[in-house]
Amino acid sequence: MTGELEVFCGLDLVFWGLITFITLIIKVCPRGQRTNYQKICEECEGSPELYDWLYLGFMAMLPLVLHWFFIEWYSGKKSSSALFQHITALFECTAAAIVTLLLNDPVGQLSIRSCEVKMLSDWYTMLYNPSPDYVTTLHCTQEAVFPLYTIVLIYYAFCLFLMMLLRPLLVKKIACGLGKTDRFRSIYAALYFFPILTVLQAVGGGLLYYAFPFIILVLSLVTLAVYMSASEIQVNRLCTVPPHNAFYFIFKDVLKLFVTCLPQSFKNLVAKKKRLVVLFSHWLLHAYGIISISRLDKLGQDLPLLALVPGPALFYLLTARFTEPNRILSEGGNGH
C-alpha cells in the first residue's frame, strides 16, 4: 500500500497498550509537517533559504510597487500629497510584513520555520490525491511548502486592512488639490489589484516561485526603457550620428562618445530628482533579479555580475542617438 501512495500522503504511527503494537494510519500531514523519505509525517524545523526569502520579498514588493504606481498616476504632477501617500504605502506594507512574520510559527519572532521546496508539485498537492485501488481517493492536500503559500495571502490581507484603516483619512486630509473623486482613485485601484494578486498567488504561486527572477529582470528592463523614452531625455546635437556616417562615428569617435556625449546624456537623465529616484529603483531591481538568479552560491563568481546593473541605462544612453526622430525623418525624406 505505501509504495502506491504519493509523497504527500503521510503515515501516522499509533502505539497500542503496553504491548508494542503499531498501526499505520494513512492521512494528510498536519500544517507545518510533511512526509520524509519513509512517508512518515514529521515537523518542518528548517529555515527558509536565501531564494525563499527573495521570493517572499518579491511577493511583498508587488503591492507596494502597484501602490506607488497608482498614487503617482492619479495624484497629478503638482500634487503635494503624493509624497505622503508614498510614505504611507511603504509604512502599510512594512507593518503588514512585520505583523505577518510575528504571527507565523514561531509566534512572536521575526523568523519563520519552513518546509523545503523540492519540486513544482509541492505547490499543487491538490492535484496529487492518490487512488490506490482506483476507486477510493485519499485526500492528501496540504501546504507542503509551508509557509510560503499561505504567508503571502496573510500578508496581502494585512496590507488591505491597514490601507483601509489609514489611507482614506490621510488622503482626505492632505489631498486637497484633487477633486473628491480623484483623491480616492489610488485606493479604488488597490481594491482591484489585491484580489488579482491573491488569485495570482493562489493559482500561480509555484510558477512564480521559479520564474520571479526572470520576471523582475524583464519587467525592470522594459519599464526602464519606456520611462527613459517617455521622460524626453534630450540627446545633445554634437552627439547625434550623421546620417551616412554611423560606422565612422562608432569606430572613429569613441573617445568623444565616452568623454563628452555619455556624461552629457547621463547629466540630462539625473537633472531631476524624480528621474534619479526612478533610475536607482530600477538598478535595485536589476540587482535583486541577478542575485535571485545566481543565489550567490559562489560569491567569487556571482558578485561581479552586479557590475552589469548599470548596463541597460548606459546602453540606452549610448544608442538613443541612433533612433533620434529627426535623424530617422531626414533619412526617410532623402529616400534612405
C-alpha atoms as a PDB file:
ATOM      1  CA  MET A   1       0.000   0.000   0.000  1.00  0.00           C
ATOM      2  CA  THR A   2       2.705   2.513   0.957  1.00  0.00           C
ATOM      3  CA  GLY A   3       4.523   2.041  -2.294  1.00  0.00           C
ATOM      4  CA  GLU A   4       1.435   3.119  -4.186  1.00  0.00           C
ATOM      5  CA  LEU A   5       0.962   6.342  -2.263  1.00  0.00           C
ATOM      6  CA  GLU A   6       2.069   9.712  -3.491  1.00  0.00           C
ATOM      7  CA  VAL A   7       4.637  11.662  -1.491  1.00  0.00           C
ATOM      8  CA  PHE A   8       2.027  13.943   0.103  1.00  0.00           C
ATOM      9  CA  CYS A   9       0.169  11.198   1.995  1.00  0.00           C
ATOM     10  CA  GLY A  10       1.735  10.538   5.384  1.00  0.00           C
ATOM     11  CA  LEU A  11       1.789   7.534   7.671  1.00  0.00           C
ATOM     12  CA  ASP A  12       0.865   8.173  11.286  1.00  0.00           C
ATOM     13  CA  LEU A  13       2.262   5.684  13.803  1.00  0.00           C
ATOM     14  CA  VAL A  14      -0.174   4.707  16.571  1.00  0.00           C
ATOM     15  CA  PHE A  15       1.032   2.636  19.551  1.00  0.00           C
ATOM     16  CA  TRP A  16      -1.496   0.452  21.400  1.00  0.00           C
ATOM     17  CA  GLY A  17      -1.261  -0.641  25.078  1.00  0.00           C
ATOM     18  CA  LEU A  18       1.722  -1.913  26.973  1.00  0.00           C
ATOM     19  CA  ILE A  19       2.483  -4.456  24.303  1.00  0.00           C
ATOM     20  CA  THR A  20       4.211  -2.893  21.322  1.00  0.00           C
ATOM     21  CA  PHE A  21       1.630  -2.889  18.574  1.00  0.00           C
ATOM     22  CA  ILE A  22       1.939  -0.374  15.790  1.00  0.00           C
ATOM     23  CA  THR A  23      -0.864   0.713  13.477  1.00  0.00           C
ATOM     24  CA  LEU A  24      -0.201   2.713  10.314  1.00  0.00           C
ATOM     25  CA  ILE A  25      -2.849   5.308   9.541  1.00  0.00           C
ATOM     26  CA  ILE A  26      -2.696   6.928   6.126  1.00  0.00           C
ATOM     27  CA  LYS A  27      -3.707  10.581   6.329  1.00  0.00           C
ATOM     28  CA  VAL A  28      -2.818  14.118   5.325  1.00  0.00           C
ATOM     29  CA  CYS A  29       0.041  15.623   7.302  1.00  0.00           C
ATOM     30  CA  PRO A  30      -0.907  18.484   9.667  1.00  0.00           C
ATOM     31  CA  ARG A  31       0.094  22.027   8.769  1.00  0.00           C
ATOM     32  CA  GLY A  32       3.772  22.570   9.371  1.00  0.00           C
ATOM     33  CA  GLN A  33       4.621  18.946   8.620  1.00  0.00           C
ATOM     34  CA  ARG A  34       5.404  16.965   5.500  1.00  0.00           C
ATOM     35  CA  THR A  35       6.441  13.444   4.659  1.00  0.00           C
ATOM     36  CA  ASN A  36      10.009  12.239   4.807  1.00  0.00           C
ATOM     37  CA  TYR A  37      11.598   9.504   2.715  1.00  0.00           C
ATOM     38  CA  GLN A  38       9.807   6.840   4.800  1.00  0.00           C
ATOM     39  CA  LYS A  39       6.466   8.589   4.081  1.00  0.00           C
ATOM     40  CA  ILE A  40       6.051   9.455   7.758  1.00  0.00           C
ATOM     41  CA  CYS A  41       4.830  12.920   8.707  1.00  0.00           C
ATOM     42  CA  GLU A  42       7.473  14.923  10.514  1.00  0.00           C
ATOM     43  CA  GLU A  43       7.732  18.503  11.746  1.00  0.00           C
ATOM     44  CA  CYS A  44       9.476  21.003   9.472  1.00  0.00           C
ATOM     45  CA  GLU A  45      12.271  22.525  11.539  1.00  0.00           C
ATOM     46  CA  GLY A  46      14.310  24.153   8.785  1.00  0.00           C
ATOM     47  CA  SER A  47      14.692  27.836   7.978  1.00  0.00           C
ATOM     48  CA  PRO A  48      13.943  29.425   4.591  1.00  0.00           C
ATOM     49  CA  GLU A  49      16.855  29.532   2.192  1.00  0.00           C
ATOM     50  CA  LEU A  50      18.044  32.772   0.608  1.00  0.00           C
ATOM     51  CA  TYR A  51      16.000  32.035  -2.510  1.00  0.00           C
ATOM     52  CA  ASP A  52      12.856  31.557  -0.392  1.00  0.00           C
ATOM     53  CA  TRP A  53      13.373  34.946   1.282  1.00  0.00           C
ATOM     54  CA  LEU A  54      13.927  36.549  -2.114  1.00  0.00           C
ATOM     55  CA  TYR A  55      10.653  35.050  -3.332  1.00  0.00           C
ATOM     56  CA  LEU A  56       8.810  36.389  -0.297  1.00  0.00           C
ATOM     57  CA  GLY A  57      10.443  39.765  -0.882  1.00  0.00           C
ATOM     58  CA  PHE A  58       9.252  39.761  -4.479  1.00  0.00           C
ATOM     59  CA  MET A  59       5.675  38.954  -3.477  1.00  0.00           C
ATOM     60  CA  ALA A  60       5.859  41.648  -0.789  1.00  0.00           C
ATOM     61  CA  MET A  61       7.106  44.243  -3.280  1.00  0.00           C
ATOM     62  CA  LEU A  62       4.247  43.714  -5.734  1.00  0.00           C
ATOM     63  CA  PRO A  63       1.537  45.582  -3.773  1.00  0.00           C
ATOM     64  CA  LEU A  64       3.998  48.318  -2.765  1.00  0.00           C
ATOM     65  CA  VAL A  65       5.070  48.951  -6.364  1.00  0.00           C
ATOM     66  CA  LEU A  66       1.455  48.945  -7.522  1.00  0.00           C
ATOM     67  CA  HIS A  67       0.515  51.366  -4.730  1.00  0.00           C
ATOM     68  CA  TRP A  68       3.278  53.747  -5.777  1.00  0.00           C
ATOM     69  CA  PHE A  69       2.354  53.482  -9.456  1.00  0.00           C
ATOM     70  CA  PHE A  70      -1.318  54.320  -8.961  1.00  0.00           C
ATOM     71  CA  ILE A  71      -0.556  57.042  -6.414  1.00  0.00           C
ATOM     72  CA  GLU A  72       1.752  58.692  -8.938  1.00  0.00           C
ATOM     73  CA  TRP A  73      -0.725  58.113 -11.752  1.00  0.00           C
ATOM     74  CA  TYR A  74      -3.737  59.687 -10.013  1.00  0.00           C
ATOM     75  CA  SER A  75      -2.104  62.302  -7.788  1.00  0.00           C
ATOM     76  CA  GLY A  76      -1.087  64.617 -10.605  1.00  0.00           C
ATOM     77  CA  LYS A  77       2.264  66.256 -11.257  1.00  0.00           C
ATOM     78  CA  LYS A  78       1.636  69.232  -8.985  1.00  0.00           C
ATOM     79  CA  SER A  79       0.075  67.351  -6.102  1.00  0.00           C
ATOM     80  CA  SER A  80       1.985  67.751  -2.844  1.00  0.00           C
ATOM     81  CA  SER A  81       0.147  64.787  -1.325  1.00  0.00           C
ATOM     82  CA  ALA A  82       1.909  62.183  -3.464  1.00  0.00           C
ATOM     83  CA  LEU A  83       4.981  62.008  -1.227  1.00  0.00           C
ATOM     84  CA  PHE A  84       2.905  61.472   1.913  1.00  0.00           C
ATOM     85  CA  GLN A  85       0.877  58.768   0.189  1.00  0.00           C
ATOM     86  CA  HIS A  86       4.080  57.034  -0.946  1.00  0.00           C
ATOM     87  CA  ILE A  87       5.389  57.061   2.627  1.00  0.00           C
ATOM     88  CA  THR A  88       2.054  55.798   3.945  1.00  0.00           C
ATOM     89  CA  ALA A  89       2.014  52.938   1.435  1.00  0.00           C
ATOM     90  CA  LEU A  90       5.555  51.994   2.476  1.00  0.00           C
ATOM     91  CA  PHE A  91       4.520  52.074   6.135  1.00  0.00           C
ATOM     92  CA  GLU A  92       1.444  49.919   5.444  1.00  0.00           C
ATOM     93  CA  CYS A  93       3.396  47.222   3.611  1.00  0.00           C
ATOM     94  CA  THR A  94       6.254  47.260   6.135  1.00  0.00           C
ATOM     95  CA  ALA A  95       3.895  46.994   9.094  1.00  0.00           C
ATOM     96  CA  ALA A  96       1.932  44.221   7.365  1.00  0.00           C
ATOM     97  CA  ALA A  97       5.144  42.275   6.738  1.00  0.00           C
ATOM     98  CA  ILE A  98       6.281  42.617  10.361  1.00  0.00           C
ATOM     99  CA  VAL A  99       2.888  41.573  11.760  1.00  0.00           C
ATOM    100  CA  THR A 100       2.747  38.611   9.374  1.00  0.00           C
ATOM    101  CA  LEU A 101       6.167  37.377  10.484  1.00  0.00           C
ATOM    102  CA  LEU A 102       5.298  37.818  14.154  1.00  0.00           C
ATOM    103  CA  LEU A 103       2.097  35.796  13.812  1.00  0.00           C
ATOM    104  CA  ASN A 104       3.699  32.901  11.968  1.00  0.00           C
ATOM    105  CA  ASP A 105       5.393  29.979  13.674  1.00  0.00           C
ATOM    106  CA  PRO A 106       7.418  30.608  15.800  1.00  0.00           C
ATOM    107  CA  VAL A 107       4.981  33.218  17.098  1.00  0.00           C
ATOM    108  CA  GLY A 108       6.488  36.472  18.309  1.00  0.00           C
ATOM    109  CA  GLN A 109       9.741  36.204  16.375  1.00  0.00           C
ATOM    110  CA  LEU A 110      10.856  37.841  13.141  1.00  0.00           C
ATOM    111  CA  SER A 111      11.791  34.449  11.745  1.00  0.00           C
ATOM    112  CA  ILE A 112       9.873  31.511  10.362  1.00  0.00           C
ATOM    113  CA  ARG A 113      10.394  27.789  10.072  1.00  0.00           C
ATOM    114  CA  SER A 114       9.651  26.219   6.740  1.00  0.00           C
ATOM    115  CA  CYS A 115       9.488  23.016   4.764  1.00  0.00           C
ATOM    116  CA  GLU A 116      11.965  22.545   1.950  1.00  0.00           C
ATOM    117  CA  VAL A 117      10.670  23.139  -1.566  1.00  0.00           C
ATOM    118  CA  LYS A 118      11.737  20.140  -3.623  1.00  0.00           C
ATOM    119  CA  MET A 119       9.733  20.350  -6.844  1.00  0.00           C
ATOM    120  CA  LEU A 120       6.966  22.272  -8.576  1.00  0.00           C
ATOM    121  CA  SER A 121       4.348  19.708  -7.498  1.00  0.00           C
ATOM    122  CA  ASP A 122       4.911  20.735  -3.869  1.00  0.00           C
ATOM    123  CA  TRP A 123       2.845  23.834  -4.613  1.00  0.00           C
ATOM    124  CA  TYR A 124      -0.078  21.906  -6.100  1.00  0.00           C
ATOM    125  CA  THR A 125      -0.706  18.966  -3.776  1.00  0.00           C
ATOM    126  CA  MET A 126      -4.433  19.047  -4.589  1.00  0.00           C
ATOM    127  CA  LEU A 127      -3.555  17.593  -7.988  1.00  0.00           C
ATOM    128  CA  TYR A 128      -1.827  14.562  -6.473  1.00  0.00           C
ATOM    129  CA  ASN A 129      -4.525  12.868  -4.384  1.00  0.00           C
ATOM    130  CA  PRO A 130      -3.876   9.150  -4.957  1.00  0.00           C
ATOM    131  CA  SER A 131      -6.357   6.319  -5.576  1.00  0.00           C
ATOM    132  CA  PRO A 132      -4.543   3.125  -4.521  1.00  0.00           C
ATOM    133  CA  ASP A 133      -7.454   0.851  -5.501  1.00  0.00           C
ATOM    134  CA  TYR A 134      -8.619   3.108  -8.375  1.00  0.00           C
ATOM    135  CA  VAL A 135     -11.920   3.567  -6.529  1.00  0.00           C
ATOM    136  CA  THR A 136     -11.325   5.425  -3.281  1.00  0.00           C
ATOM    137  CA  THR A 137      -9.477   8.756  -3.407  1.00  0.00           C
ATOM    138  CA  LEU A 138      -7.237   9.654  -0.495  1.00  0.00           C
ATOM    139  CA  HIS A 139      -7.332  13.398   0.014  1.00  0.00           C
ATOM    140  CA  CYS A 140      -3.818  14.445   0.996  1.00  0.00           C
ATOM    141  CA  THR A 141      -3.940  18.119   0.073  1.00  0.00           C
ATOM    142  CA  GLN A 142      -1.633  20.090   2.330  1.00  0.00           C
ATOM    143  CA  GLU A 143       0.787  23.020   2.365  1.00  0.00           C
ATOM    144  CA  ALA A 144       3.924  21.092   1.508  1.00  0.00           C
ATOM    145  CA  VAL A 145       5.808  24.373   1.040  1.00  0.00           C
ATOM    146  CA  PHE A 146       4.815  25.657   4.485  1.00  0.00           C
ATOM    147  CA  PRO A 147       4.563  28.605   4.982  1.00  0.00           C
ATOM    148  CA  LEU A 148       5.454  30.086   1.583  1.00  0.00           C
ATOM    149  CA  TYR A 149       1.948  29.615   0.199  1.00  0.00           C
ATOM    150  CA  THR A 150      -0.239  30.986   2.993  1.00  0.00           C
ATOM    151  CA  ILE A 151       2.102  33.605   4.403  1.00  0.00           C
ATOM    152  CA  VAL A 152       1.770  35.679   1.224  1.00  0.00           C
ATOM    153  CA  LEU A 153      -2.037  35.552   1.430  1.00  0.00           C
ATOM    154  CA  ILE A 154      -1.924  36.600   5.093  1.00  0.00           C
ATOM    155  CA  TYR A 155       0.401  39.475   4.198  1.00  0.00           C
ATOM    156  CA  TYR A 156      -1.987  40.704   1.491  1.00  0.00           C
ATOM    157  CA  ALA A 157      -4.868  40.603   3.964  1.00  0.00           C
ATOM    158  CA  PHE A 158      -2.968  42.778   6.444  1.00  0.00           C
ATOM    159  CA  CYS A 159      -1.916  45.174   3.664  1.00  0.00           C
ATOM    160  CA  LEU A 160      -5.541  45.625   2.655  1.00  0.00           C
ATOM    161  CA  PHE A 161      -6.671  46.061   6.258  1.00  0.00           C
ATOM    162  CA  LEU A 162      -4.034  48.701   7.051  1.00  0.00           C
ATOM    163  CA  MET A 163      -4.720  50.535   3.803  1.00  0.00           C
ATOM    164  CA  MET A 164      -8.439  50.775   4.556  1.00  0.00           C
ATOM    165  CA  LEU A 165      -7.624  51.862   8.102  1.00  0.00           C
ATOM    166  CA  LEU A 166      -5.055  54.591   7.343  1.00  0.00           C
ATOM    167  CA  ARG A 167      -5.161  55.745   3.750  1.00  0.00           C
ATOM    168  CA  PRO A 168      -8.684  57.238   3.489  1.00  0.00           C
ATOM    169  CA  LEU A 169      -8.084  59.502   6.491  1.00  0.00           C
ATOM    170  CA  LEU A 170      -4.714  60.629   5.159  1.00  0.00           C
ATOM    171  CA  VAL A 171      -5.983  61.291   1.646  1.00  0.00           C
ATOM    172  CA  LYS A 172      -8.997  63.192   2.934  1.00  0.00           C
ATOM    173  CA  LYS A 173      -6.748  65.481   4.992  1.00  0.00           C
ATOM    174  CA  ILE A 174      -3.866  66.224   2.628  1.00  0.00           C
ATOM    175  CA  ALA A 175      -5.126  65.634  -0.934  1.00  0.00           C
ATOM    176  CA  CYS A 176      -6.981  68.920  -1.095  1.00  0.00           C
ATOM    177  CA  GLY A 177      -5.601  69.761  -4.529  1.00  0.00           C
ATOM    178  CA  LEU A 178      -7.519  66.922  -6.142  1.00  0.00           C
ATOM    179  CA  GLY A 179     -11.203  66.514  -6.794  1.00  0.00           C
ATOM    180  CA  LYS A 180     -13.380  64.487  -4.461  1.00  0.00           C
ATOM    181  CA  THR A 181     -13.422  61.573  -6.885  1.00  0.00           C
ATOM    182  CA  ASP A 182      -9.755  61.736  -7.951  1.00  0.00           C
ATOM    183  CA  ARG A 183      -8.271  61.731  -4.460  1.00  0.00           C
ATOM    184  CA  PHE A 184      -9.514  58.195  -3.698  1.00  0.00           C
ATOM    185  CA  ARG A 185      -8.735  56.588  -7.053  1.00  0.00           C
ATOM    186  CA  SER A 186      -5.463  55.077  -5.881  1.00  0.00           C
ATOM    187  CA  ILE A 187      -7.405  53.353  -3.091  1.00  0.00           C
ATOM    188  CA  TYR A 188     -10.024  52.123  -5.550  1.00  0.00           C
ATOM    189  CA  ALA A 189      -7.227  50.741  -7.719  1.00  0.00           C
ATOM    190  CA  ALA A 190      -5.877  48.785  -4.737  1.00  0.00           C
ATOM    191  CA  LEU A 191      -9.306  47.251  -4.219  1.00  0.00           C
ATOM    192  CA  TYR A 192      -8.920  45.820  -7.718  1.00  0.00           C
ATOM    193  CA  PHE A 193      -5.306  44.676  -7.710  1.00  0.00           C
ATOM    194  CA  PHE A 194      -5.346  42.999  -4.282  1.00  0.00           C
ATOM    195  CA  PRO A 195      -7.882  40.348  -5.403  1.00  0.00           C
ATOM    196  CA  ILE A 196      -5.846  39.897  -8.584  1.00  0.00           C
ATOM    197  CA  LEU A 197      -2.641  39.377  -6.580  1.00  0.00           C
ATOM    198  CA  THR A 198      -4.458  36.930  -4.297  1.00  0.00           C
ATOM    199  CA  VAL A 199      -5.688  34.831  -7.212  1.00  0.00           C
ATOM    200  CA  LEU A 200      -2.245  35.041  -8.786  1.00  0.00           C
ATOM    201  CA  GLN A 201      -0.638  33.639  -5.635  1.00  0.00           C
ATOM    202  CA  ALA A 202      -3.320  31.003  -5.139  1.00  0.00           C
ATOM    203  CA  VAL A 203      -3.180  29.694  -8.706  1.00  0.00           C
ATOM    204  CA  GLY A 204       0.315  30.518  -9.913  1.00  0.00           C
ATOM    205  CA  GLY A 205       2.377  30.597  -6.728  1.00  0.00           C
ATOM    206  CA  GLY A 206       4.520  27.655  -7.767  1.00  0.00           C
ATOM    207  CA  LEU A 207       5.189  29.073 -11.218  1.00  0.00           C
ATOM    208  CA  LEU A 208       6.061  32.461  -9.753  1.00  0.00           C
ATOM    209  CA  TYR A 209       8.433  30.801  -7.293  1.00  0.00           C
ATOM    210  CA  TYR A 210      10.610  29.504 -10.117  1.00  0.00           C
ATOM    211  CA  ALA A 211      10.094  32.358 -12.598  1.00  0.00           C
ATOM    212  CA  PHE A 212      10.180  35.522 -10.469  1.00  0.00           C
ATOM    213  CA  PRO A 213      13.916  36.333 -11.034  1.00  0.00           C
ATOM    214  CA  PHE A 214      13.388  36.443 -14.782  1.00  0.00           C
ATOM    215  CA  ILE A 215      10.114  38.351 -14.389  1.00  0.00           C
ATOM    216  CA  ILE A 216      11.940  41.012 -12.360  1.00  0.00           C
ATOM    217  CA  LEU A 217      14.694  41.417 -14.942  1.00  0.00           C
ATOM    218  CA  VAL A 218      12.373  41.550 -17.953  1.00  0.00           C
ATOM    219  CA  LEU A 219       9.850  43.948 -16.406  1.00  0.00           C
ATOM    220  CA  SER A 220      12.529  46.233 -14.975  1.00  0.00           C
ATOM    221  CA  LEU A 221      14.286  46.443 -18.345  1.00  0.00           C
ATOM    222  CA  VAL A 222      11.058  47.163 -20.213  1.00  0.00           C
ATOM    223  CA  THR A 223       9.798  49.753 -17.738  1.00  0.00           C
ATOM    224  CA  LEU A 224      13.199  51.474 -17.631  1.00  0.00           C
ATOM    225  CA  ALA A 225      13.303  51.761 -21.417  1.00  0.00           C
ATOM    226  CA  VAL A 226       9.726  53.053 -21.540  1.00  0.00           C
ATOM    227  CA  TYR A 227      10.336  55.584 -18.778  1.00  0.00           C
ATOM    228  CA  MET A 228      13.570  56.903 -20.269  1.00  0.00           C
ATOM    229  CA  SER A 229      11.976  57.306 -23.686  1.00  0.00           C
ATOM    230  CA  ALA A 230       8.867  58.931 -22.215  1.00  0.00           C
ATOM    231  CA  SER A 231      10.859  61.287 -19.971  1.00  0.00           C
ATOM    232  CA  GLU A 232      12.090  63.127 -23.083  1.00  0.00           C
ATOM    233  CA  ILE A 233      15.795  62.845 -22.368  1.00  0.00           C
ATOM    234  CA  GLN A 234      17.407  65.082 -24.957  1.00  0.00           C
ATOM    235  CA  VAL A 235      20.397  63.954 -26.970  1.00  0.00           C
ATOM    236  CA  ASN A 236      22.988  66.648 -27.496  1.00  0.00           C
ATOM    237  CA  ARG A 237      23.255  67.732 -31.135  1.00  0.00           C
ATOM    238  CA  LEU A 238      27.017  67.331 -31.046  1.00  0.00           C
ATOM    239  CA  CYS A 239      26.476  63.667 -30.244  1.00  0.00           C
ATOM    240  CA  THR A 240      23.957  62.979 -32.987  1.00  0.00           C
ATOM    241  CA  VAL A 241      25.116  60.440 -35.565  1.00  0.00           C
ATOM    242  CA  PRO A 242      25.490  61.790 -39.127  1.00  0.00           C
ATOM    243  CA  PRO A 243      23.005  60.047 -41.451  1.00  0.00           C
ATOM    244  CA  HIS A 244      25.654  58.498 -43.736  1.00  0.00           C
ATOM    245  CA  ASN A 245      28.449  58.092 -41.251  1.00  0.00           C
ATOM    246  CA  ALA A 246      27.218  55.759 -38.494  1.00  0.00           C
ATOM    247  CA  PHE A 247      30.123  53.336 -38.766  1.00  0.00           C
ATOM    248  CA  TYR A 248      32.621  56.177 -38.885  1.00  0.00           C
ATOM    249  CA  PHE A 249      31.036  57.510 -35.687  1.00  0.00           C
ATOM    250  CA  ILE A 250      31.340  54.163 -33.947  1.00  0.00           C
ATOM    251  CA  PHE A 251      34.943  53.444 -34.812  1.00  0.00           C
ATOM    252  CA  LYS A 252      36.486  56.932 -35.017  1.00  0.00           C
ATOM    253  CA  ASP A 253      34.697  58.932 -32.353  1.00  0.00           C
ATOM    254  CA  VAL A 254      34.803  56.501 -29.453  1.00  0.00           C
ATOM    255  CA  LEU A 255      36.726  58.988 -27.333  1.00  0.00           C
ATOM    256  CA  LYS A 256      34.133  61.676 -27.985  1.00  0.00           C
ATOM    257  CA  LEU A 257      31.381  59.221 -27.116  1.00  0.00           C
ATOM    258  CA  PHE A 258      32.672  58.336 -23.663  1.00  0.00           C
ATOM    259  CA  VAL A 259      34.263  61.658 -22.733  1.00  0.00           C
ATOM    260  CA  THR A 260      31.608  64.116 -23.943  1.00  0.00           C
ATOM    261  CA  CYS A 261      28.364  62.517 -25.084  1.00  0.00           C
ATOM    262  CA  LEU A 262      27.797  59.911 -22.414  1.00  0.00           C
ATOM    263  CA  PRO A 263      28.400  62.275 -19.445  1.00  0.00           C
ATOM    264  CA  GLN A 264      26.108  64.880 -21.014  1.00  0.00           C
ATOM    265  CA  SER A 265      23.335  62.348 -21.550  1.00  0.00           C
ATOM    266  CA  PHE A 266      23.711  60.992 -18.023  1.00  0.00           C
ATOM    267  CA  LYS A 267      23.646  64.528 -16.597  1.00  0.00           C
ATOM    268  CA  ASN A 268      20.425  65.145 -18.526  1.00  0.00           C
ATOM    269  CA  LEU A 269      18.981  61.940 -17.110  1.00  0.00           C
ATOM    270  CA  VAL A 270      19.662  62.817 -13.463  1.00  0.00           C
ATOM    271  CA  ALA A 271      18.800  66.505 -13.839  1.00  0.00           C
ATOM    272  CA  LYS A 272      15.527  65.899 -11.990  1.00  0.00           C
ATOM    273  CA  LYS A 273      15.318  64.173  -8.620  1.00  0.00           C
ATOM    274  CA  LYS A 274      12.372  62.107  -9.784  1.00  0.00           C
ATOM    275  CA  ARG A 275      14.390  60.646 -12.663  1.00  0.00           C
ATOM    276  CA  LEU A 276      17.240  59.859 -10.288  1.00  0.00           C
ATOM    277  CA  VAL A 277      14.906  58.016  -7.908  1.00  0.00           C
ATOM    278  CA  VAL A 278      13.408  56.010 -10.759  1.00  0.00           C
ATOM    279  CA  LEU A 279      16.855  55.173 -12.124  1.00  0.00           C
ATOM    280  CA  PHE A 280      18.208  53.896  -8.790  1.00  0.00           C
ATOM    281  CA  SER A 281      14.971  51.995  -8.152  1.00  0.00           C
ATOM    282  CA  HIS A 282      15.436  50.112 -11.417  1.00  0.00           C
ATOM    283  CA  TRP A 283      19.080  49.459 -10.570  1.00  0.00           C
ATOM    284  CA  LEU A 284      17.976  47.919  -7.278  1.00  0.00           C
ATOM    285  CA  LEU A 285      15.507  45.733  -9.160  1.00  0.00           C
ATOM    286  CA  HIS A 286      18.237  44.661 -11.608  1.00  0.00           C
ATOM    287  CA  ALA A 287      20.480  43.708  -8.684  1.00  0.00           C
ATOM    288  CA  TYR A 288      17.604  41.874  -6.994  1.00  0.00           C
ATOM    289  CA  GLY A 289      16.954  39.854 -10.126  1.00  0.00           C
ATOM    290  CA  ILE A 290      20.626  38.995 -10.629  1.00  0.00           C
ATOM    291  CA  ILE A 291      21.001  37.886  -7.007  1.00  0.00           C
ATOM    292  CA  SER A 292      17.831  35.790  -7.297  1.00  0.00           C
ATOM    293  CA  ILE A 293      19.095  34.005 -10.390  1.00  0.00           C
ATOM    294  CA  SER A 294      22.614  33.390  -9.116  1.00  0.00           C
ATOM    295  CA  ARG A 295      21.503  32.747  -5.496  1.00  0.00           C
ATOM    296  CA  LEU A 296      25.058  33.784  -4.567  1.00  0.00           C
ATOM    297  CA  ASP A 297      26.137  30.145  -4.396  1.00  0.00           C
ATOM    298  CA  LYS A 298      29.653  31.135  -5.410  1.00  0.00           C
ATOM    299  CA  LEU A 299      30.406  34.653  -4.218  1.00  0.00           C
ATOM    300  CA  GLY A 300      33.606  34.917  -6.233  1.00  0.00           C
ATOM    301  CA  GLN A 301      31.745  34.292  -9.483  1.00  0.00           C
ATOM    302  CA  ASP A 302      28.348  35.833  -8.681  1.00  0.00           C
ATOM    303  CA  LEU A 303      29.236  39.186  -7.102  1.00  0.00           C
ATOM    304  CA  PRO A 304      30.992  40.527 -10.251  1.00  0.00           C
ATOM    305  CA  LEU A 305      27.672  40.066 -12.066  1.00  0.00           C
ATOM    306  CA  LEU A 306      26.338  43.037 -10.113  1.00  0.00           C
ATOM    307  CA  ALA A 307      28.607  45.232 -12.255  1.00  0.00           C
ATOM    308  CA  LEU A 308      26.029  44.649 -15.029  1.00  0.00           C
ATOM    309  CA  VAL A 309      23.374  46.587 -13.105  1.00  0.00           C
ATOM    310  CA  PRO A 310      24.013  49.997 -14.810  1.00  0.00           C
ATOM    311  CA  GLY A 311      24.362  48.275 -18.202  1.00  0.00           C
ATOM    312  CA  PRO A 312      20.800  48.792 -19.545  1.00  0.00           C
ATOM    313  CA  ALA A 313      20.764  52.502 -18.697  1.00  0.00           C
ATOM    314  CA  LEU A 314      24.204  53.065 -20.243  1.00  0.00           C
ATOM    315  CA  PHE A 315      23.192  51.064 -23.313  1.00  0.00           C
ATOM    316  CA  TYR A 316      20.136  53.270 -23.758  1.00  0.00           C
ATOM    317  CA  LEU A 317      22.189  56.457 -23.443  1.00  0.00           C
ATOM    318  CA  LEU A 318      24.735  55.153 -25.960  1.00  0.00           C
ATOM    319  CA  THR A 319      22.197  54.016 -28.536  1.00  0.00           C
ATOM    320  CA  ALA A 320      19.415  56.599 -28.132  1.00  0.00           C
ATOM    321  CA  ARG A 321      21.066  58.892 -30.693  1.00  0.00           C
ATOM    322  CA  PHE A 322      20.785  56.190 -33.362  1.00  0.00           C
ATOM    323  CA  THR A 323      16.999  56.354 -33.122  1.00  0.00           C
ATOM    324  CA  GLU A 324      16.588  60.116 -32.853  1.00  0.00           C
ATOM    325  CA  PRO A 325      13.315  61.030 -34.623  1.00  0.00           C
ATOM    326  CA  ASN A 326      14.840  63.944 -36.591  1.00  0.00           C
ATOM    327  CA  ARG A 327      17.519  61.662 -37.999  1.00  0.00           C
ATOM    328  CA  ILE A 328      15.004  58.992 -38.994  1.00  0.00           C
ATOM    329  CA  LEU A 329      12.713  61.552 -40.614  1.00  0.00           C
ATOM    330  CA  SER A 330      15.609  63.137 -42.528  1.00  0.00           C
ATOM    331  CA  GLU A 331      16.744  59.778 -43.841  1.00  0.00           C
ATOM    332  CA  GLY A 332      13.166  58.901 -44.815  1.00  0.00           C
ATOM    333  CA  GLY A 333      12.811  62.187 -46.669  1.00  0.00           C
ATOM    334  CA  ASN A 334      16.052  61.523 -48.569  1.00  0.00           C
ATOM    335  CA  GLY A 335      14.860  58.081 -49.629  1.00  0.00           C
ATOM    336  CA  HIS A 336      17.272  56.111 -47.414  1.00  0.00           C
END
